[in-house]
Protein backbone atom coordinates (compact mmCIF):
# COMPACT_ATOMS: atom_id res chain seq x y z
CA UNK A 1 12.73 19.38 -16.27
CA UNK A 2 11.46 20.99 -13.05
CA UNK A 3 7.79 20.17 -12.55
CA UNK A 4 5.54 21.89 -10.05
CA UNK A 5 3.00 19.79 -8.14
CA UNK A 6 -0.40 19.92 -9.80
CA UNK A 7 0.97 21.03 -13.14
CA UNK A 8 2.34 17.75 -14.38
CA UNK A 9 1.42 17.88 -18.03
CA UNK A 10 5.02 17.52 -19.14
CA UNK A 11 4.86 20.23 -21.79
CA UNK A 12 5.47 23.41 -19.87
CA UNK A 13 4.32 24.89 -16.57
CA UNK A 14 2.30 27.52 -18.44
CA UNK A 15 0.28 24.88 -20.28
CA UNK A 16 -0.61 23.23 -16.96
CA UNK A 17 -1.68 26.52 -15.41
CA UNK A 18 -3.71 27.38 -18.52
CA UNK A 19 -5.37 23.95 -18.45
CA UNK A 20 -6.31 24.37 -14.77
CA UNK A 21 -7.77 27.85 -15.41
CA UNK A 22 -9.86 26.51 -18.30
CA UNK A 23 -11.18 23.66 -16.13
CA UNK A 24 -12.13 26.03 -13.31
CA UNK A 25 -13.95 28.35 -15.74
CA UNK A 26 -15.87 25.43 -17.22
CA UNK A 27 -16.94 24.24 -13.77
CA UNK A 28 -18.03 27.77 -12.77
CA UNK A 29 -20.02 28.07 -16.00
CA UNK A 30 -21.81 24.78 -15.37
CA UNK A 31 -22.67 25.76 -11.79
CA UNK A 32 -24.02 29.16 -12.89
CA UNK A 33 -26.07 27.51 -15.64
CA UNK A 34 -27.77 25.16 -13.18
CA UNK A 35 -28.33 27.94 -10.63
CA UNK A 36 -30.03 30.13 -13.24
CA UNK A 37 -32.06 27.21 -14.53
CA UNK A 38 -33.37 26.37 -11.05
CA UNK A 39 -34.40 29.99 -10.37
CA UNK A 40 -36.63 30.28 -13.45
CA UNK A 41 -39.61 28.18 -12.32
CA UNK A 42 -43.06 29.81 -12.52
CA UNK A 43 -44.13 30.04 -8.87
CA UNK A 44 -40.68 31.03 -7.66
CA UNK A 45 -40.53 33.72 -10.33
CA UNK A 46 -43.80 35.23 -9.08
CA UNK A 47 -42.59 35.16 -5.46
CA UNK A 48 -39.30 36.67 -6.54
CA UNK A 49 -41.01 39.56 -8.33
CA UNK A 50 -43.20 40.19 -5.27
CA UNK A 51 -40.11 40.30 -3.07
CA UNK A 52 -38.41 42.69 -5.48
CA UNK A 53 -41.41 45.04 -5.51
CA UNK A 54 -41.53 44.98 -1.70
CA UNK A 55 -37.82 45.79 -1.53
CA UNK A 56 -38.32 48.67 -4.00
CA UNK A 57 -41.07 50.11 -1.79
CA UNK A 58 -38.83 49.79 1.26
CA UNK A 59 -36.02 51.58 -0.56
CA UNK A 60 -38.37 54.44 -1.48
CA UNK A 61 -39.49 54.71 2.15
CA UNK A 62 -35.87 54.82 3.30
CA UNK A 63 -35.09 57.54 0.75
CA UNK A 64 -38.00 59.64 2.01
CA UNK A 65 -36.88 59.17 5.62
CA UNK A 66 -33.33 60.20 4.73
CA UNK A 67 -34.63 63.32 2.98
CA UNK A 68 -36.71 64.24 6.03
CA UNK A 69 -33.71 63.78 8.32
CA UNK A 70 -31.59 65.88 5.94
CA UNK A 71 -34.14 68.70 6.01
CA UNK A 72 -34.30 68.63 9.81
CA UNK A 73 -30.52 68.75 10.04
CA UNK A 74 -30.44 71.69 7.63
CA UNK A 75 -32.92 73.55 9.86
CA UNK A 76 -30.65 73.06 12.86
């Protein structure tokens, strides 16, 4: 039986590939779980919401500036 490196389960190459994909997905899930868990502390959550509100204000300012530039270009 021809075996590819890294897929040495002995059953079939597809089973080895499937097993590797499952392991990668489990690792990604664990990492995302811990990242989300670390971002949900109280003080960081308050700072995060303040940053988000500041970004929203900046976006509104940028939209207004773009509209003003658009109007000036339409006049020309």
